Every structure is written in C-alpha cells, then in structure tokens.
Amino acid sequence: MSIKNVSVIGAGTMGNGIAHVFAQCGFSVNLIDVNASQLQRIACLP
C-alpha cells in the first residue's frame, strides 16, 4: 500500500509548510482551512 494523496488541515505557517514539502515530494495535496483568505494568499504564491 502506498500513499499518494495527503490532506493538510490548517493553512497557516505550519500547515502551509507541511503541504509544500509533501507537494515537492510528488504527493497530491489538499489544503483545507476555514479561512478562505488564507487559501487565496497561498494560491497566489509562485
């Protein structure tokens, strides 16, 4: 069994960093947060 998808709850500094590392390692990442502006801020990063 291999893990290919990861969900991270919380898009703050720590959650964003965790999601970033998983994405760099080839995982499909779902980033979840109750604050839509947090997700929009991250979506605008290069």
PDB file of N, CA and C in Angstrom:
ATOM      1  N   MET A   1       0.848  -1.184   0.000  1.00  0.00           N
ATOM      2  CA  MET A   1       0.000   0.000   0.000  1.00  0.00           C
ATOM      3  C   MET A   1       0.888   1.239   0.000  1.00  0.00           C
ATOM      4  N   SER A   2       0.616   2.146  -0.913  1.00  0.00           N
ATOM      5  CA  SER A   2       1.386   3.382  -0.931  1.00  0.00           C
ATOM      6  C   SER A   2       0.444   4.579  -0.855  1.00  0.00           C
ATOM      7  N   ILE A   3       0.879   5.595  -0.174  1.00  0.00           N
ATOM      8  CA  ILE A   3       0.094   6.817  -0.010  1.00  0.00           C
ATOM      9  C   ILE A   3       0.438   7.759  -1.151  1.00  0.00           C
ATOM     10  N   LYS A   4      -0.597   8.267  -1.847  1.00  0.00           N
ATOM     11  CA  LYS A   4      -0.393   9.179  -2.961  1.00  0.00           C
ATOM     12  C   LYS A   4      -1.060  10.521  -2.736  1.00  0.00           C
ATOM     13  N   ASN A   5      -2.059  10.553  -1.860  1.00  0.00           N
ATOM     14  CA  ASN A   5      -2.821  11.770  -1.583  1.00  0.00           C
ATOM     15  C   ASN A   5      -2.697  12.133  -0.113  1.00  0.00           C
ATOM     16  N   VAL A   6      -2.536  13.420   0.147  1.00  0.00           N
ATOM     17  CA  VAL A   6      -2.397  13.895   1.519  1.00  0.00           C
ATOM     18  C   VAL A   6      -3.317  15.098   1.700  1.00  0.00           C
ATOM     19  N   SER A   7      -4.010  15.169   2.826  1.00  0.00           N
ATOM     20  CA  SER A   7      -4.806  16.342   3.184  1.00  0.00           C
ATOM     21  C   SER A   7      -4.185  16.980   4.413  1.00  0.00           C
ATOM     22  N   VAL A   8      -4.038  18.299   4.358  1.00  0.00           N
ATOM     23  CA  VAL A   8      -3.493  19.055   5.485  1.00  0.00           C
ATOM     24  C   VAL A   8      -4.581  20.023   5.932  1.00  0.00           C
ATOM     25  N   ILE A   9      -4.944  19.942   7.200  1.00  0.00           N
ATOM     26  CA  ILE A   9      -5.980  20.818   7.745  1.00  0.00           C
ATOM     27  C   ILE A   9      -5.290  21.955   8.478  1.00  0.00           C
ATOM     28  N   GLY A  10      -5.521  23.168   7.990  1.00  0.00           N
ATOM     29  CA  GLY A  10      -4.897  24.357   8.557  1.00  0.00           C
ATOM     30  C   GLY A  10      -3.855  24.896   7.585  1.00  0.00           C
ATOM     31  N   ALA A  11      -4.114  26.068   7.028  1.00  0.00           N
ATOM     32  CA  ALA A  11      -3.244  26.644   6.010  1.00  0.00           C
ATOM     33  C   ALA A  11      -2.369  27.765   6.560  1.00  0.00           C
ATOM     34  N   GLY A  12      -2.121  27.731   7.851  1.00  0.00           N
ATOM     35  CA  GLY A  12      -1.229  28.727   8.449  1.00  0.00           C
ATOM     36  C   GLY A  12       0.216  28.417   8.102  1.00  0.00           C
ATOM     37  N   THR A  13       1.124  28.988   8.831  1.00  0.00           N
ATOM     38  CA  THR A  13       2.550  28.813   8.553  1.00  0.00           C
ATOM     39  C   THR A  13       2.951  27.343   8.577  1.00  0.00           C
ATOM     40  N   MET A  14       2.541  26.633   9.582  1.00  0.00           N
ATOM     41  CA  MET A  14       2.942  25.239   9.726  1.00  0.00           C
ATOM     42  C   MET A  14       2.258  24.341   8.691  1.00  0.00           C
ATOM     43  N   GLY A  15       0.945  24.477   8.531  1.00  0.00           N
ATOM     44  CA  GLY A  15       0.220  23.667   7.566  1.00  0.00           C
ATOM     45  C   GLY A  15       0.683  23.916   6.144  1.00  0.00           C
ATOM     46  N   ASN A  16       0.949  25.180   5.830  1.00  0.00           N
ATOM     47  CA  ASN A  16       1.445  25.531   4.503  1.00  0.00           C
ATOM     48  C   ASN A  16       2.805  24.881   4.257  1.00  0.00           C
ATOM     49  N   GLY A  17       3.665  24.909   5.247  1.00  0.00           N
ATOM     50  CA  GLY A  17       4.985  24.290   5.120  1.00  0.00           C
ATOM     51  C   GLY A  17       4.902  22.782   4.934  1.00  0.00           C
ATOM     52  N   ILE A  18       4.026  22.147   5.691  1.00  0.00           N
ATOM     53  CA  ILE A  18       3.845  20.693   5.581  1.00  0.00           C
ATOM     54  C   ILE A  18       3.321  20.344   4.187  1.00  0.00           C
ATOM     55  N   ALA A  19       2.323  21.087   3.720  1.00  0.00           N
ATOM     56  CA  ALA A  19       1.754  20.839   2.395  1.00  0.00           C
ATOM     57  C   ALA A  19       2.806  21.048   1.309  1.00  0.00           C
ATOM     58  N   HIS A  20       3.624  22.062   1.472  1.00  0.00           N
ATOM     59  CA  HIS A  20       4.671  22.376   0.498  1.00  0.00           C
ATOM     60  C   HIS A  20       5.674  21.225   0.373  1.00  0.00           C
ATOM     61  N   VAL A  21       6.098  20.678   1.492  1.00  0.00           N
ATOM     62  CA  VAL A  21       7.059  19.573   1.479  1.00  0.00           C
ATOM     63  C   VAL A  21       6.458  18.339   0.820  1.00  0.00           C
ATOM     64  N   PHE A  22       5.216  18.018   1.150  1.00  0.00           N
ATOM     65  CA  PHE A  22       4.565  16.867   0.516  1.00  0.00           C
ATOM     66  C   PHE A  22       4.446  17.068  -0.989  1.00  0.00           C
ATOM     67  N   ALA A  23       4.065  18.276  -1.413  1.00  0.00           N
ATOM     68  CA  ALA A  23       3.929  18.558  -2.844  1.00  0.00           C
ATOM     69  C   ALA A  23       5.269  18.433  -3.563  1.00  0.00           C
ATOM     70  N   GLN A  24       6.335  18.913  -2.936  1.00  0.00           N
ATOM     71  CA  GLN A  24       7.667  18.806  -3.536  1.00  0.00           C
ATOM     72  C   GLN A  24       8.105  17.346  -3.676  1.00  0.00           C
ATOM     73  N   CYS A  25       7.589  16.495  -2.815  1.00  0.00           N
ATOM     74  CA  CYS A  25       7.943  15.072  -2.854  1.00  0.00           C
ATOM     75  C   CYS A  25       7.024  14.275  -3.781  1.00  0.00           C
ATOM     76  N   GLY A  26       6.131  14.949  -4.507  1.00  0.00           N
ATOM     77  CA  GLY A  26       5.315  14.288  -5.511  1.00  0.00           C
ATOM     78  C   GLY A  26       3.936  13.839  -5.068  1.00  0.00           C
ATOM     79  N   PHE A  27       3.525  14.208  -3.867  1.00  0.00           N
ATOM     80  CA  PHE A  27       2.193  13.839  -3.394  1.00  0.00           C
ATOM     81  C   PHE A  27       1.149  14.809  -3.932  1.00  0.00           C
ATOM     82  N   SER A  28      -0.070  14.333  -4.114  1.00  0.00           N
ATOM     83  CA  SER A  28      -1.203  15.192  -4.408  1.00  0.00           C
ATOM     84  C   SER A  28      -1.702  15.726  -3.069  1.00  0.00           C
ATOM     85  N   VAL A  29      -1.782  17.051  -2.920  1.00  0.00           N
ATOM     86  CA  VAL A  29      -2.075  17.659  -1.621  1.00  0.00           C
ATOM     87  C   VAL A  29      -3.376  18.447  -1.661  1.00  0.00           C
ATOM     88  N   ASN A  30      -4.230  18.221  -0.671  1.00  0.00           N
ATOM     89  CA  ASN A  30      -5.422  19.034  -0.436  1.00  0.00           C
ATOM     90  C   ASN A  30      -5.162  19.855   0.811  1.00  0.00           C
ATOM     91  N   LEU A  31      -5.219  21.165   0.674  1.00  0.00           N
ATOM     92  CA  LEU A  31      -5.001  22.062   1.810  1.00  0.00           C
ATOM     93  C   LEU A  31      -6.351  22.638   2.211  1.00  0.00           C
ATOM     94  N   ILE A  32      -6.717  22.452   3.468  1.00  0.00           N
ATOM     95  CA  ILE A  32      -8.045  22.813   3.963  1.00  0.00           C
ATOM     96  C   ILE A  32      -7.908  23.839   5.081  1.00  0.00           C
ATOM     97  N   ASP A  33      -8.737  24.884   5.020  1.00  0.00           N
ATOM     98  CA  ASP A  33      -8.741  25.888   6.083  1.00  0.00           C
ATOM     99  C   ASP A  33     -10.120  26.539   6.121  1.00  0.00           C
ATOM    100  N   VAL A  34     -10.559  26.965   7.303  1.00  0.00           N
ATOM    101  CA  VAL A  34     -11.850  27.630   7.433  1.00  0.00           C
ATOM    102  C   VAL A  34     -11.779  29.074   6.960  1.00  0.00           C
ATOM    103  N   ASN A  35     -10.563  29.613   6.864  1.00  0.00           N
ATOM    104  CA  ASN A  35     -10.355  30.991   6.462  1.00  0.00           C
ATOM    105  C   ASN A  35     -10.006  31.038   4.970  1.00  0.00           C
ATOM    106  N   ALA A  36     -10.964  31.433   4.138  1.00  0.00           N
ATOM    107  CA  ALA A  36     -10.764  31.447   2.683  1.00  0.00           C
ATOM    108  C   ALA A  36      -9.634  32.377   2.269  1.00  0.00           C
ATOM    109  N   SER A  37      -9.416  33.461   3.002  1.00  0.00           N
ATOM    110  CA  SER A  37      -8.343  34.393   2.631  1.00  0.00           C
ATOM    111  C   SER A  37      -6.969  33.746   2.791  1.00  0.00           C
ATOM    112  N   GLN A  38      -6.827  32.831   3.722  1.00  0.00           N
ATOM    113  CA  GLN A  38      -5.564  32.095   3.889  1.00  0.00           C
ATOM    114  C   GLN A  38      -5.279  31.271   2.644  1.00  0.00           C
ATOM    115  N   LEU A  39      -6.289  30.591   2.134  1.00  0.00           N
ATOM    116  CA  LEU A  39      -6.126  29.762   0.942  1.00  0.00           C
ATOM    117  C   LEU A  39      -5.855  30.609  -0.295  1.00  0.00           C
ATOM    118  N   GLN A  40      -6.505  31.765  -0.392  1.00  0.00           N
ATOM    119  CA  GLN A  40      -6.271  32.658  -1.525  1.00  0.00           C
ATOM    120  C   GLN A  40      -4.852  33.207  -1.498  1.00  0.00           C
ATOM    121  N   ARG A  41      -4.341  33.515  -0.323  1.00  0.00           N
ATOM    122  CA  ARG A  41      -2.987  34.024  -0.192  1.00  0.00           C
ATOM    123  C   ARG A  41      -1.975  32.982  -0.672  1.00  0.00           C
ATOM    124  N   ILE A  42      -2.215  31.741  -0.311  1.00  0.00           N
ATOM    125  CA  ILE A  42      -1.302  30.663  -0.698  1.00  0.00           C
ATOM    126  C   ILE A  42      -1.408  30.394  -2.198  1.00  0.00           C
ATOM    127  N   ALA A  43      -2.609  30.467  -2.750  1.00  0.00           N
ATOM    128  CA  ALA A  43      -2.798  30.205  -4.183  1.00  0.00           C
ATOM    129  C   ALA A  43      -2.061  31.228  -5.048  1.00  0.00           C
ATOM    130  N   CYS A  44      -1.780  32.401  -4.502  1.00  0.00           N
ATOM    131  CA  CYS A  44      -1.103  33.458  -5.265  1.00  0.00           C
ATOM    132  C   CYS A  44       0.406  33.343  -5.215  1.00  0.00           C
ATOM    133  N   LEU A  45       0.940  32.443  -4.411  1.00  0.00           N
ATOM    134  CA  LEU A  45       2.394  32.287  -4.321  1.00  0.00           C
ATOM    135  C   LEU A  45       2.922  31.625  -5.586  1.00  0.00           C
ATOM    136  N   PRO A  46       4.137  32.013  -6.023  1.00  0.00           N
ATOM    137  CA  PRO A  46       4.711  31.404  -7.239  1.00  0.00           C
ATOM    138  C   PRO A  46       5.057  29.951  -7.056  1.00  0.00           C
TER     139      PRO A  46
END
